[in-house]
PDB file of N, CA and C in Angstrom:
ATOM      1  N   MET A   1       2.690 -17.012  12.624  1.00  0.00           N
ATOM      2  CA  MET A   1       2.492 -16.022  11.585  1.00  0.00           C
ATOM      3  C   MET A   1       1.234 -15.191  11.793  1.00  0.00           C
ATOM      4  N   ALA A   2       0.383 -15.620  12.678  1.00  0.00           N
ATOM      5  CA  ALA A   2      -0.860 -14.874  12.876  1.00  0.00           C
ATOM      6  C   ALA A   2      -0.558 -13.444  13.286  1.00  0.00           C
ATOM      7  N   ARG A   3      -1.343 -12.509  12.802  1.00  0.00           N
ATOM      8  CA  ARG A   3      -1.109 -11.080  13.024  1.00  0.00           C
ATOM      9  C   ARG A   3      -2.217 -10.426  13.852  1.00  0.00           C
ATOM     10  N   GLN A   4      -3.037 -11.217  14.500  1.00  0.00           N
ATOM     11  CA  GLN A   4      -4.124 -10.661  15.297  1.00  0.00           C
ATOM     12  C   GLN A   4      -3.581  -9.642  16.302  1.00  0.00           C
ATOM     13  N   GLY A   5      -4.208  -8.457  16.329  1.00  0.00           N
ATOM     14  CA  GLY A   5      -3.800  -7.393  17.240  1.00  0.00           C
ATOM     15  C   GLY A   5      -2.817  -6.409  16.649  1.00  0.00           C
ATOM     16  N   ASN A   6      -2.168  -6.784  15.539  1.00  0.00           N
ATOM     17  CA  ASN A   6      -1.262  -5.844  14.870  1.00  0.00           C
ATOM     18  C   ASN A   6      -2.068  -4.808  14.090  1.00  0.00           C
ATOM     19  N   ILE A   7      -1.381  -3.843  13.517  1.00  0.00           N
ATOM     20  CA  ILE A   7      -2.016  -2.731  12.807  1.00  0.00           C
ATOM     21  C   ILE A   7      -1.793  -2.870  11.301  1.00  0.00           C
ATOM     22  N   GLN A   8      -2.879  -2.838  10.549  1.00  0.00           N
ATOM     23  CA  GLN A   8      -2.805  -2.973   9.096  1.00  0.00           C
ATOM     24  C   GLN A   8      -3.136  -1.641   8.432  1.00  0.00           C
ATOM     25  N   PHE A   9      -2.359  -1.328   7.414  1.00  0.00           N
ATOM     26  CA  PHE A   9      -2.521  -0.122   6.605  1.00  0.00           C
ATOM     27  C   PHE A   9      -2.769  -0.589   5.176  1.00  0.00           C
ATOM     28  N   ASN A  10      -3.840  -0.103   4.553  1.00  0.00           N
ATOM     29  CA  ASN A  10      -4.174  -0.505   3.182  1.00  0.00           C
ATOM     30  C   ASN A  10      -4.492   0.709   2.325  1.00  0.00           C
ATOM     31  N   MET A  11      -4.034   0.645   1.101  1.00  0.00           N
ATOM     32  CA  MET A  11      -4.421   1.633   0.097  1.00  0.00           C
ATOM     33  C   MET A  11      -4.730   0.886  -1.188  1.00  0.00           C
ATOM     34  N   ILE A  12      -5.790   1.306  -1.855  1.00  0.00           N
ATOM     35  CA  ILE A  12      -6.120   0.789  -3.178  1.00  0.00           C
ATOM     36  C   ILE A  12      -6.178   1.977  -4.118  1.00  0.00           C
ATOM     37  N   PHE A  13      -5.382   1.910  -5.153  1.00  0.00           N
ATOM     38  CA  PHE A  13      -5.324   2.954  -6.170  1.00  0.00           C
ATOM     39  C   PHE A  13      -5.884   2.354  -7.453  1.00  0.00           C
ATOM     40  N   THR A  14      -6.776   3.052  -8.122  1.00  0.00           N
ATOM     41  CA  THR A  14      -7.304   2.607  -9.407  1.00  0.00           C
ATOM     42  C   THR A  14      -7.009   3.703 -10.410  1.00  0.00           C
ATOM     43  N   VAL A  15      -6.233   3.341 -11.442  1.00  0.00           N
ATOM     44  CA  VAL A  15      -5.778   4.352 -12.390  1.00  0.00           C
ATOM     45  C   VAL A  15      -5.985   3.885 -13.829  1.00  0.00           C
ATOM     46  N   PRO A  16      -6.147   4.848 -14.745  1.00  0.00           N
ATOM     47  CA  PRO A  16      -6.231   4.496 -16.163  1.00  0.00           C
ATOM     48  C   PRO A  16      -4.867   4.051 -16.687  1.00  0.00           C
ATOM     49  N   SER A  17      -4.875   3.408 -17.833  1.00  0.00           N
ATOM     50  CA  SER A  17      -3.659   2.797 -18.384  1.00  0.00           C
ATOM     51  C   SER A  17      -2.497   3.781 -18.529  1.00  0.00           C
ATOM     52  N   GLU A  18      -2.785   5.039 -18.839  1.00  0.00           N
ATOM     53  CA  GLU A  18      -1.704   6.009 -19.039  1.00  0.00           C
ATOM     54  C   GLU A  18      -0.967   6.375 -17.748  1.00  0.00           C
ATOM     55  N   LEU A  19      -1.498   5.986 -16.593  1.00  0.00           N
ATOM     56  CA  LEU A  19      -0.846   6.275 -15.306  1.00  0.00           C
ATOM     57  C   LEU A  19      -0.149   5.065 -14.696  1.00  0.00           C
ATOM     58  N   VAL A  20      -0.225   3.906 -15.344  1.00  0.00           N
ATOM     59  CA  VAL A  20       0.343   2.679 -14.789  1.00  0.00           C
ATOM     60  C   VAL A  20       1.865   2.746 -14.705  1.00  0.00           C
ATOM     61  N   SER A  21       2.534   3.220 -15.733  1.00  0.00           N
ATOM     62  CA  SER A  21       4.002   3.241 -15.690  1.00  0.00           C
ATOM     63  C   SER A  21       4.515   4.157 -14.581  1.00  0.00           C
ATOM     64  N   GLU A  22       3.835   5.268 -14.335  1.00  0.00           N
ATOM     65  CA  GLU A  22       4.233   6.147 -13.234  1.00  0.00           C
ATOM     66  C   GLU A  22       3.982   5.457 -11.893  1.00  0.00           C
ATOM     67  N   GLY A  23       2.892   4.713 -11.775  1.00  0.00           N
ATOM     68  CA  GLY A  23       2.639   3.937 -10.562  1.00  0.00           C
ATOM     69  C   GLY A  23       3.719   2.891 -10.340  1.00  0.00           C
ATOM     70  N   ASP A  24       4.117   2.206 -11.399  1.00  0.00           N
ATOM     71  CA  ASP A  24       5.201   1.225 -11.295  1.00  0.00           C
ATOM     72  C   ASP A  24       6.479   1.888 -10.775  1.00  0.00           C
ATOM     73  N   ARG A  25       6.807   3.050 -11.313  1.00  0.00           N
ATOM     74  CA  ARG A  25       8.015   3.766 -10.904  1.00  0.00           C
ATOM     75  C   ARG A  25       7.936   4.183  -9.439  1.00  0.00           C
ATOM     76  N   ILE A  26       6.798   4.755  -9.050  1.00  0.00           N
ATOM     77  CA  ILE A  26       6.612   5.219  -7.675  1.00  0.00           C
ATOM     78  C   ILE A  26       6.724   4.056  -6.692  1.00  0.00           C
ATOM     79  N   PHE A  27       6.085   2.926  -6.993  1.00  0.00           N
ATOM     80  CA  PHE A  27       6.108   1.810  -6.044  1.00  0.00           C
ATOM     81  C   PHE A  27       7.448   1.083  -6.016  1.00  0.00           C
ATOM     82  N   GLU A  28       8.200   1.134  -7.105  1.00  0.00           N
ATOM     83  CA  GLU A  28       9.561   0.602  -7.051  1.00  0.00           C
ATOM     84  C   GLU A  28      10.395   1.455  -6.093  1.00  0.00           C
ATOM     85  N   SER A  29      10.255   2.769  -6.204  1.00  0.00           N
ATOM     86  CA  SER A  29      10.932   3.694  -5.289  1.00  0.00           C
ATOM     87  C   SER A  29      10.472   3.460  -3.855  1.00  0.00           C
ATOM     88  N   HIS A  30       9.172   3.266  -3.667  1.00  0.00           N
ATOM     89  CA  HIS A  30       8.603   3.071  -2.336  1.00  0.00           C
ATOM     90  C   HIS A  30       9.164   1.804  -1.675  1.00  0.00           C
ATOM     91  N   ALA A  31       9.186   0.693  -2.404  1.00  0.00           N
ATOM     92  CA  ALA A  31       9.675  -0.567  -1.840  1.00  0.00           C
ATOM     93  C   ALA A  31      11.141  -0.444  -1.423  1.00  0.00           C
ATOM     94  N   LYS A  32      11.949   0.193  -2.246  1.00  0.00           N
ATOM     95  CA  LYS A  32      13.370   0.375  -1.910  1.00  0.00           C
ATOM     96  C   LYS A  32      13.519   1.261  -0.673  1.00  0.00           C
ATOM     97  N   TRP A  33      12.744   2.331  -0.615  1.00  0.00           N
ATOM     98  CA  TRP A  33      12.790   3.237   0.534  1.00  0.00           C
ATOM     99  C   TRP A  33      12.338   2.514   1.809  1.00  0.00           C
ATOM    100  N   MET A  34      11.263   1.750   1.729  1.00  0.00           N
ATOM    101  CA  MET A  34      10.767   1.002   2.885  1.00  0.00           C
ATOM    102  C   MET A  34      11.839   0.040   3.406  1.00  0.00           C
ATOM    103  N   ALA A  35      12.482  -0.691   2.498  1.00  0.00           N
ATOM    104  CA  ALA A  35      13.515  -1.650   2.907  1.00  0.00           C
ATOM    105  C   ALA A  35      14.685  -0.956   3.601  1.00  0.00           C
ATOM    106  N   ARG A  36      15.015   0.249   3.148  1.00  0.00           N
ATOM    107  CA  ARG A  36      16.133   1.011   3.722  1.00  0.00           C
ATOM    108  C   ARG A  36      15.830   1.604   5.077  1.00  0.00           C
ATOM    109  N   THR A  37      14.583   1.968   5.320  1.00  0.00           N
ATOM    110  CA  THR A  37      14.289   2.853   6.448  1.00  0.00           C
ATOM    111  C   THR A  37      13.454   2.261   7.570  1.00  0.00           C
ATOM    112  N   HIS A  38      12.738   1.197   7.336  1.00  0.00           N
ATOM    113  CA  HIS A  38      11.767   0.754   8.333  1.00  0.00           C
ATOM    114  C   HIS A  38      12.330  -0.283   9.304  1.00  0.00           C
ATOM    115  N   HIS A  39      11.834  -0.192  10.531  1.00  0.00           N
ATOM    116  CA  HIS A  39      12.258  -1.086  11.611  1.00  0.00           C
ATOM    117  C   HIS A  39      11.819  -2.514  11.302  1.00  0.00           C
ATOM    118  N   ARG A  40      12.624  -3.465  11.712  1.00  0.00           N
ATOM    119  CA  ARG A  40      12.299  -4.877  11.511  1.00  0.00           C
ATOM    120  C   ARG A  40      11.979  -5.572  12.827  1.00  0.00           C
ATOM    121  N   GLU A  41      12.268  -4.894  13.933  1.00  0.00           N
ATOM    122  CA  GLU A  41      12.018  -5.464  15.258  1.00  0.00           C
ATOM    123  C   GLU A  41      11.442  -4.394  16.164  1.00  0.00           C
ATOM    124  N   GLY A  42      10.805  -4.834  17.232  1.00  0.00           N
ATOM    125  CA  GLY A  42      10.308  -3.915  18.250  1.00  0.00           C
ATOM    126  C   GLY A  42       8.942  -3.345  17.946  1.00  0.00           C
ATOM    127  N   ASP A  43       8.570  -2.347  18.741  1.00  0.00           N
ATOM    128  CA  ASP A  43       7.248  -1.726  18.693  1.00  0.00           C
ATOM    129  C   ASP A  43       6.934  -1.083  17.344  1.00  0.00           C
ATOM    130  N   LYS A  44       7.959  -0.640  16.615  1.00  0.00           N
ATOM    131  CA  LYS A  44       7.753   0.030  15.324  1.00  0.00           C
ATOM    132  C   LYS A  44       7.969  -0.890  14.123  1.00  0.00           C
ATOM    133  N   ALA A  45       8.091  -2.178  14.359  1.00  0.00           N
ATOM    134  CA  ALA A  45       8.445  -3.121  13.295  1.00  0.00           C
ATOM    135  C   ALA A  45       7.409  -3.175  12.178  1.00  0.00           C
ATOM    136  N   LEU A  46       7.920  -3.187  10.956  1.00  0.00           N
ATOM    137  CA  LEU A  46       7.122  -3.476   9.767  1.00  0.00           C
ATOM    138  C   LEU A  46       7.144  -4.993   9.597  1.00  0.00           C
ATOM    139  N   LEU A  47       5.988  -5.633   9.712  1.00  0.00           N
ATOM    140  CA  LEU A  47       5.898  -7.089   9.674  1.00  0.00           C
ATOM    141  C   LEU A  47       5.582  -7.628   8.287  1.00  0.00           C
ATOM    142  N   VAL A  48       4.799  -6.850   7.525  1.00  0.00           N
ATOM    143  CA  VAL A  48       4.380  -7.267   6.189  1.00  0.00           C
ATOM    144  C   VAL A  48       4.408  -6.057   5.278  1.00  0.00           C
ATOM    145  N   TYR A  49       4.943  -6.241   4.082  1.00  0.00           N
ATOM    146  CA  TYR A  49       4.864  -5.226   3.035  1.00  0.00           C
ATOM    147  C   TYR A  49       4.527  -5.962   1.748  1.00  0.00           C
ATOM    148  N   ASP A  50       3.347  -5.707   1.203  1.00  0.00           N
ATOM    149  CA  ASP A  50       2.910  -6.332  -0.042  1.00  0.00           C
ATOM    150  C   ASP A  50       2.332  -5.273  -0.962  1.00  0.00           C
ATOM    151  N   LEU A  51       2.761  -5.305  -2.202  1.00  0.00           N
ATOM    152  CA  LEU A  51       2.139  -4.494  -3.246  1.00  0.00           C
ATOM    153  C   LEU A  51       1.704  -5.461  -4.327  1.00  0.00           C
ATOM    154  N   SER A  52       0.451  -5.406  -4.693  1.00  0.00           N
ATOM    155  CA  SER A  52      -0.033  -6.230  -5.797  1.00  0.00           C
ATOM    156  C   SER A  52      -0.693  -5.329  -6.828  1.00  0.00           C
ATOM    157  N   LYS A  53      -0.869  -5.882  -8.009  1.00  0.00           N
ATOM    158  CA  LYS A  53      -1.377  -5.099  -9.139  1.00  0.00           C
ATOM    159  C   LYS A  53      -2.257  -6.022  -9.973  1.00  0.00           C
ATOM    160  N   ALA A  54      -3.427  -5.521 -10.388  1.00  0.00           N
ATOM    161  CA  ALA A  54      -4.354  -6.337 -11.168  1.00  0.00           C
ATOM    162  C   ALA A  54      -5.242  -5.436 -12.015  1.00  0.00           C
ATOM    163  N   PRO A  55      -5.740  -5.967 -13.123  1.00  0.00           N
ATOM    164  CA  PRO A  55      -6.691  -5.195 -13.913  1.00  0.00           C
ATOM    165  C   PRO A  55      -8.014  -5.044 -13.163  1.00  0.00           C
ATOM    166  N   GLU A  56      -8.641  -3.895 -13.317  1.00  0.00           N
ATOM    167  CA  GLU A  56      -9.992  -3.697 -12.790  1.00  0.00           C
ATOM    168  C   GLU A  56     -10.954  -4.419 -13.727  1.00  0.00           C
ATOM    169  N   MET A  57     -11.877  -5.186 -13.151  1.00  0.00           N
ATOM    170  CA  MET A  57     -12.844  -5.935 -13.949  1.00  0.00           C
ATOM    171  C   MET A  57     -14.217  -5.271 -13.876  1.00  0.00           C
ATOM    172  N   LYS A  58     -14.974  -5.356 -14.967  1.00  0.00           N
ATOM    173  CA  LYS A  58     -16.320  -4.761 -14.976  1.00  0.00           C
ATOM    174  C   LYS A  58     -17.201  -5.377 -13.895  1.00  0.00           C
ATOM    175  N   ASP A  59     -17.062  -6.696 -13.686  1.00  0.00           N
ATOM    176  CA  ASP A  59     -17.769  -7.372 -12.595  1.00  0.00           C
ATOM    177  C   ASP A  59     -16.705  -7.956 -11.674  1.00  0.00           C
ATOM    178  N   PRO A  60     -16.377  -7.273 -10.587  1.00  0.00           N
ATOM    179  CA  PRO A  60     -15.282  -7.729  -9.739  1.00  0.00           C
ATOM    180  C   PRO A  60     -15.515  -9.092  -9.087  1.00  0.00           C
ATOM    181  N   MET A  61     -16.748  -9.567  -9.060  1.00  0.00           N
ATOM    182  CA  MET A  61     -17.045 -10.879  -8.483  1.00  0.00           C
ATOM    183  C   MET A  61     -16.883 -12.012  -9.499  1.00  0.00           C
ATOM    184  N   ASP A  62     -16.624 -11.673 -10.760  1.00  0.00           N
ATOM    185  CA  ASP A  62     -16.473 -12.669 -11.823  1.00  0.00           C
ATOM    186  C   ASP A  62     -15.062 -12.578 -12.393  1.00  0.00           C
ATOM    187  N   PRO A  63     -14.193 -13.550 -12.084  1.00  0.00           N
ATOM    188  CA  PRO A  63     -12.819 -13.486 -12.590  1.00  0.00           C
ATOM    189  C   PRO A  63     -12.718 -13.569 -14.112  1.00  0.00           C
ATOM    190  N   ASN A  64     -13.795 -13.980 -14.781  1.00  0.00           N
ATOM    191  CA  ASN A  64     -13.803 -14.045 -16.241  1.00  0.00           C
ATOM    192  C   ASN A  64     -14.427 -12.798 -16.874  1.00  0.00           C
ATOM    193  N   SER A  65     -14.734 -11.821 -16.054  1.00  0.00           N
ATOM    194  CA  SER A  65     -15.335 -10.582 -16.530  1.00  0.00           C
ATOM    195  C   SER A  65     -14.368  -9.824 -17.442  1.00  0.00           C
ATOM    196  N   VAL A  66     -14.888  -8.891 -18.171  1.00  0.00           N
ATOM    197  CA  VAL A  66     -14.097  -8.068 -19.094  1.00  0.00           C
ATOM    198  C   VAL A  66     -13.383  -6.967 -18.308  1.00  0.00           C
ATOM    199  N   PRO A  67     -12.100  -6.739 -18.576  1.00  0.00           N
ATOM    200  CA  PRO A  67     -11.384  -5.638 -17.914  1.00  0.00           C
ATOM    201  C   PRO A  67     -11.919  -4.277 -18.351  1.00  0.00           C
ATOM    202  N   THR A  68     -11.856  -3.313 -17.456  1.00  0.00           N
ATOM    203  CA  THR A  68     -12.308  -1.955 -17.769  1.00  0.00           C
ATOM    204  C   THR A  68     -11.246  -1.135 -18.487  1.00  0.00           C
ATOM    205  N   GLY A  69      -9.995  -1.576 -18.411  1.00  0.00           N
ATOM    206  CA  GLY A  69      -8.885  -0.783 -18.935  1.00  0.00           C
ATOM    207  C   GLY A  69      -8.109  -0.083 -17.828  1.00  0.00           C
ATOM    208  N   ASN A  70      -8.690  -0.046 -16.625  1.00  0.00           N
ATOM    209  CA  ASN A  70      -8.000   0.528 -15.463  1.00  0.00           C
ATOM    210  C   ASN A  70      -7.194  -0.556 -14.749  1.00  0.00           C
ATOM    211  N   THR A  71      -6.267  -0.110 -13.916  1.00  0.00           N
ATOM    212  CA  THR A  71      -5.437  -1.025 -13.128  1.00  0.00           C
ATOM    213  C   THR A  71      -5.552  -0.677 -11.657  1.00  0.00           C
ATOM    214  N   HIS A  72      -5.648  -1.716 -10.814  1.00  0.00           N
ATOM    215  CA  HIS A  72      -5.624  -1.551  -9.359  1.00  0.00           C
ATOM    216  C   HIS A  72      -4.192  -1.789  -8.871  1.00  0.00           C
ATOM    217  N   PHE A  73      -3.712  -0.911  -8.009  1.00  0.00           N
ATOM    218  CA  PHE A  73      -2.517  -1.148  -7.216  1.00  0.00           C
ATOM    219  C   PHE A  73      -3.017  -1.310  -5.788  1.00  0.00           C
ATOM    220  N   LEU A  74      -2.642  -2.390  -5.118  1.00  0.00           N
ATOM    221  CA  LEU A  74      -3.085  -2.654  -3.748  1.00  0.00           C
ATOM    222  C   LEU A  74      -1.859  -2.718  -2.845  1.00  0.00           C
ATOM    223  N   LEU A  75      -1.814  -1.843  -1.877  1.00  0.00           N
ATOM    224  CA  LEU A  75      -0.698  -1.774  -0.946  1.00  0.00           C
ATOM    225  C   LEU A  75      -1.173  -2.212   0.430  1.00  0.00           C
ATOM    226  N   CYS A  76      -0.461  -3.158   1.037  1.00  0.00           N
ATOM    227  CA  CYS A  76      -0.775  -3.631   2.378  1.00  0.00           C
ATOM    228  C   CYS A  76       0.497  -3.603   3.208  1.00  0.00           C
ATOM    229  N   GLU A  77       0.436  -2.921   4.342  1.00  0.00           N
ATOM    230  CA  GLU A  77       1.539  -2.890   5.287  1.00  0.00           C
ATOM    231  C   GLU A  77       0.974  -3.288   6.641  1.00  0.00           C
ATOM    232  N   VAL A  78       1.698  -4.114   7.375  1.00  0.00           N
ATOM    233  CA  VAL A  78       1.287  -4.507   8.719  1.00  0.00           C
ATOM    234  C   VAL A  78       2.416  -4.148   9.672  1.00  0.00           C
ATOM    235  N   TYR A  79       2.051  -3.460  10.742  1.00  0.00           N
ATOM    236  CA  TYR A  79       3.007  -3.009  11.753  1.00  0.00           C
ATOM    237  C   TYR A  79       2.724  -3.699  13.081  1.00  0.00           C
ATOM    238  N   GLU A  80       3.766  -3.831  13.879  1.00  0.00           N
ATOM    239  CA  GLU A  80       3.623  -4.415  15.212  1.00  0.00           C
ATOM    240  C   GLU A  80       2.600  -3.649  16.047  1.00  0.00           C
ATOM    241  N   SER A  81       2.634  -2.317  15.944  1.00  0.00           N
ATOM    242  CA  SER A  81       1.752  -1.479  16.769  1.00  0.00           C
ATOM    243  C   SER A  81       1.494  -0.151  16.053  1.00  0.00           C
ATOM    244  N   PRO A  82       0.601   0.676  16.600  1.00  0.00           N
ATOM    245  CA  PRO A  82       0.368   1.997  16.018  1.00  0.00           C
ATOM    246  C   PRO A  82       1.647   2.847  15.928  1.00  0.00           C
ATOM    247  N   ALA A  83       2.609   2.604  16.806  1.00  0.00           N
ATOM    248  CA  ALA A  83       3.866   3.366  16.770  1.00  0.00           C
ATOM    249  C   ALA A  83       4.585   3.169  15.440  1.00  0.00           C
ATOM    250  N   GLY A  84       4.493   1.982  14.864  1.00  0.00           N
ATOM    251  CA  GLY A  84       5.127   1.722  13.575  1.00  0.00           C
ATOM    252  C   GLY A  84       4.488   2.512  12.453  1.00  0.00           C
ATOM    253  N   LEU A  85       3.172   2.598  12.465  1.00  0.00           N
ATOM    254  CA  LEU A  85       2.474   3.369  11.436  1.00  0.00           C
ATOM    255  C   LEU A  85       2.764   4.857  11.587  1.00  0.00           C
ATOM    256  N   MET A  86       2.795   5.345  12.809  1.00  0.00           N
ATOM    257  CA  MET A  86       3.141   6.758  13.035  1.00  0.00           C
ATOM    258  C   MET A  86       4.552   7.052  12.536  1.00  0.00           C
ATOM    259  N   ASP A  87       5.478   6.142  12.825  1.00  0.00           N
ATOM    260  CA  ASP A  87       6.856   6.288  12.362  1.00  0.00           C
ATOM    261  C   ASP A  87       6.910   6.294  10.838  1.00  0.00           C
ATOM    262  N   HIS A  88       6.109   5.450  10.208  1.00  0.00           N
ATOM    263  CA  HIS A  88       6.051   5.386   8.742  1.00  0.00           C
ATOM    264  C   HIS A  88       5.676   6.743   8.151  1.00  0.00           C
ATOM    265  N   TRP A  89       4.610   7.349   8.679  1.00  0.00           N
ATOM    266  CA  TRP A  89       4.157   8.641   8.141  1.00  0.00           C
ATOM    267  C   TRP A  89       5.204   9.727   8.365  1.00  0.00           C
ATOM    268  N   GLN A  90       5.835   9.734   9.519  1.00  0.00           N
ATOM    269  CA  GLN A  90       6.875  10.733   9.779  1.00  0.00           C
ATOM    270  C   GLN A  90       8.042  10.551   8.818  1.00  0.00           C
ATOM    271  N   GLN A  91       8.469   9.318   8.639  1.00  0.00           N
ATOM    272  CA  GLN A  91       9.579   9.066   7.719  1.00  0.00           C
ATOM    273  C   GLN A  91       9.217   9.416   6.275  1.00  0.00           C
ATOM    274  N   ALA A  92       7.990   9.065   5.871  1.00  0.00           N
ATOM    275  CA  ALA A  92       7.572   9.345   4.488  1.00  0.00           C
ATOM    276  C   ALA A  92       7.661  10.832   4.192  1.00  0.00           C
ATOM    277  N   GLU A  93       7.149  11.622   5.087  1.00  0.00           N
ATOM    278  CA  GLU A  93       7.163  13.067   4.883  1.00  0.00           C
ATOM    279  C   GLU A  93       8.579  13.641   4.893  1.00  0.00           C
ATOM    280  N   ASN A  94       9.451  13.065   5.710  1.00  0.00           N
ATOM    281  CA  ASN A  94      10.791  13.620   5.890  1.00  0.00           C
ATOM    282  C   ASN A  94      11.861  13.035   4.974  1.00  0.00           C
ATOM    283  N   SER A  95      11.665  11.790   4.482  1.00  0.00           N
ATOM    284  CA  SER A  95      12.803  11.197   3.778  1.00  0.00           C
ATOM    285  C   SER A  95      12.491  10.468   2.477  1.00  0.00           C
ATOM    286  N   TRP A  96      11.222  10.216   2.151  1.00  0.00           N
ATOM    287  CA  TRP A  96      10.957   9.517   0.887  1.00  0.00           C
ATOM    288  C   TRP A  96      10.895  10.538  -0.236  1.00  0.00           C
ATOM    289  N   GLU A  97      11.811  10.413  -1.159  1.00  0.00           N
ATOM    290  CA  GLU A  97      11.951  11.386  -2.249  1.00  0.00           C
ATOM    291  C   GLU A  97      10.749  11.434  -3.189  1.00  0.00           C
ATOM    292  N   ASP A  98       9.911  10.406  -3.211  1.00  0.00           N
ATOM    293  CA  ASP A  98       8.757  10.383  -4.109  1.00  0.00           C
ATOM    294  C   ASP A  98       7.420  10.554  -3.385  1.00  0.00           C
ATOM    295  N   PHE A  99       7.447  11.030  -2.149  1.00  0.00           N
ATOM    296  CA  PHE A  99       6.199  11.207  -1.391  1.00  0.00           C
ATOM    297  C   PHE A  99       5.272  12.204  -2.095  1.00  0.00           C
ATOM    298  N   GLU A 100       5.790  13.319  -2.534  1.00  0.00           N
ATOM    299  CA  GLU A 100       4.959  14.312  -3.240  1.00  0.00           C
ATOM    300  C   GLU A 100       4.488  13.779  -4.590  1.00  0.00           C
ATOM    301  N   ALA A 101       5.341  12.999  -5.269  1.00  0.00           N
ATOM    302  CA  ALA A 101       4.954  12.398  -6.550  1.00  0.00           C
ATOM    303  C   ALA A 101       3.796  11.418  -6.343  1.00  0.00           C
ATOM    304  N   LEU A 102       3.844  10.637  -5.251  1.00  0.00           N
ATOM    305  CA  LEU A 102       2.737   9.725  -4.941  1.00  0.00           C
ATOM    306  C   LEU A 102       1.450  10.505  -4.738  1.00  0.00           C
ATOM    307  N   LYS A 103       1.505  11.559  -3.958  1.00  0.00           N
ATOM    308  CA  LYS A 103       0.284  12.335  -3.677  1.00  0.00           C
ATOM    309  C   LYS A 103      -0.286  12.930  -4.966  1.00  0.00           C
ATOM    310  N   ALA A 104       0.558  13.433  -5.843  1.00  0.00           N
ATOM    311  CA  ALA A 104       0.074  14.001  -7.109  1.00  0.00           C
ATOM    312  C   ALA A 104      -0.514  12.910  -8.007  1.00  0.00           C
ATOM    313  N   TRP A 105       0.163  11.771  -8.085  1.00  0.00           N
ATOM    314  CA  TRP A 105      -0.282  10.661  -8.934  1.00  0.00           C
ATOM    315  C   TRP A 105      -1.623  10.112  -8.458  1.00  0.00           C
ATOM    316  N   MET A 106      -1.767   9.908  -7.151  1.00  0.00           N
ATOM    317  CA  MET A 106      -2.990   9.291  -6.648  1.00  0.00           C
ATOM    318  C   MET A 106      -4.213  10.180  -6.847  1.00  0.00           C
ATOM    319  N   MET A 107      -4.029  11.482  -6.953  1.00  0.00           N
ATOM    320  CA  MET A 107      -5.153  12.396  -7.165  1.00  0.00           C
ATOM    321  C   MET A 107      -5.679  12.335  -8.599  1.00  0.00           C
ATOM    322  N   LYS A 108      -4.920  11.691  -9.493  1.00  0.00           N
ATOM    323  CA  LYS A 108      -5.342  11.574 -10.891  1.00  0.00           C
ATOM    324  C   LYS A 108      -6.250  10.364 -11.122  1.00  0.00           C
ATOM    325  N   GLY A 109      -6.332   9.482 -10.139  1.00  0.00           N
ATOM    326  CA  GLY A 109      -7.180   8.301 -10.240  1.00  0.00           C
ATOM    327  C   GLY A 109      -8.134   8.264  -9.062  1.00  0.00           C
ATOM    328  N   LYS A 110      -8.511   7.057  -8.674  1.00  0.00           N
ATOM    329  CA  LYS A 110      -9.344   6.857  -7.483  1.00  0.00           C
ATOM    330  C   LYS A 110      -8.482   6.152  -6.452  1.00  0.00           C
ATOM    331  N   PHE A 111      -8.717   6.449  -5.183  1.00  0.00           N
ATOM    332  CA  PHE A 111      -7.988   5.732  -4.155  1.00  0.00           C
ATOM    333  C   PHE A 111      -8.823   5.586  -2.899  1.00  0.00           C
ATOM    334  N   LEU A 112      -8.502   4.533  -2.161  1.00  0.00           N
ATOM    335  CA  LEU A 112      -9.131   4.245  -0.873  1.00  0.00           C
ATOM    336  C   LEU A 112      -8.004   4.023   0.119  1.00  0.00           C
ATOM    337  N   LEU A 113      -8.091   4.661   1.256  1.00  0.00           N
ATOM    338  CA  LEU A 113      -7.080   4.549   2.295  1.00  0.00           C
ATOM    339  C   LEU A 113      -7.731   4.071   3.583  1.00  0.00           C
ATOM    340  N   VAL A 114      -7.183   3.019   4.165  1.00  0.00           N
ATOM    341  CA  VAL A 114      -7.547   2.587   5.516  1.00  0.00           C
ATOM    342  C   VAL A 114      -6.275   2.781   6.327  1.00  0.00           C
ATOM    343  N   ASN A 115      -6.256   3.836   7.109  1.00  0.00           N
ATOM    344  CA  ASN A 115      -5.038   4.313   7.756  1.00  0.00           C
ATOM    345  C   ASN A 115      -4.869   3.740   9.157  1.00  0.00           C
ATOM    346  N   GLY A 116      -4.719   2.431   9.219  1.00  0.00           N
ATOM    347  CA  GLY A 116      -4.440   1.794  10.501  1.00  0.00           C
ATOM    348  C   GLY A 116      -5.640   1.120  11.115  1.00  0.00           C
ATOM    349  N   ALA A 117      -5.848  -0.130  10.779  1.00  0.00           N
ATOM    350  CA  ALA A 117      -6.943  -0.926  11.324  1.00  0.00           C
ATOM    351  C   ALA A 117      -6.351  -2.065  12.154  1.00  0.00           C
ATOM    352  N   LYS A 118      -6.895  -2.260  13.331  1.00  0.00           N
ATOM    353  CA  LYS A 118      -6.441  -3.364  14.179  1.00  0.00           C
ATOM    354  C   LYS A 118      -6.900  -4.671  13.553  1.00  0.00           C
ATOM    355  N   ILE A 119      -5.994  -5.625  13.388  1.00  0.00           N
ATOM    356  CA  ILE A 119      -6.325  -6.923  12.792  1.00  0.00           C
ATOM    357  C   ILE A 119      -7.111  -7.737  13.812  1.00  0.00           C
ATOM    358  N   VAL A 120      -8.301  -8.146  13.417  1.00  0.00           N
ATOM    359  CA  VAL A 120      -9.219  -8.837  14.305  1.00  0.00           C
ATOM    360  C   VAL A 120      -9.069 -10.363  14.172  1.00  0.00           C
ATOM    361  N   HIS A 121      -8.952 -10.855  12.947  1.00  0.00           N
ATOM    362  CA  HIS A 121      -8.779 -12.280  12.698  1.00  0.00           C
ATOM    363  C   HIS A 121      -7.564 -12.466  11.801  1.00  0.00           C
ATOM    364  N   SER A 122      -6.758 -13.463  12.108  1.00  0.00           N
ATOM    365  CA  SER A 122      -5.566 -13.740  11.329  1.00  0.00           C
ATOM    366  C   SER A 122      -5.248 -15.226  11.435  1.00  0.00           C
ATOM    367  N   LEU A 123      -4.952 -15.840  10.320  1.00  0.00           N
ATOM    368  CA  LEU A 123      -4.609 -17.265  10.310  1.00  0.00           C
ATOM    369  C   LEU A 123      -3.148 -17.450   9.911  1.00  0.00           C
ATOM    370  N   TRP A 124      -2.559 -18.411  10.473  1.00  0.00           N
ATOM    371  CA  TRP A 124      -1.189 -18.836  10.164  1.00  0.00           C
ATOM    372  C   TRP A 124      -0.223 -17.710  10.300  1.00  0.00           C
TER     373      TRP A 124
END
């Protein structure tokens, strides 16, 4: 299961409560589109697709901290190689019906994008 040497793509979106339902809708569409379109084997294979969601905490190092009212959406995708990530971006632009909706939604909150990092350490 170790993924050392593969390519990881991460996005963190932080949005106020009024944008959460639209985020839920967009990521439901995204997961269905990913399952329909992405390679499962070979150089372009999508190895991991995880979306998680959690409240933003005033002190992120304290799990008992008070929530801010914002929500984090965390997206992690791992590809066999850079070719898989390149294929992902090409497909998103050409065939995902909610690609423009994602771009508009993410501009209403805060986001961080790590667009393809080589995995250095991986366990199991």
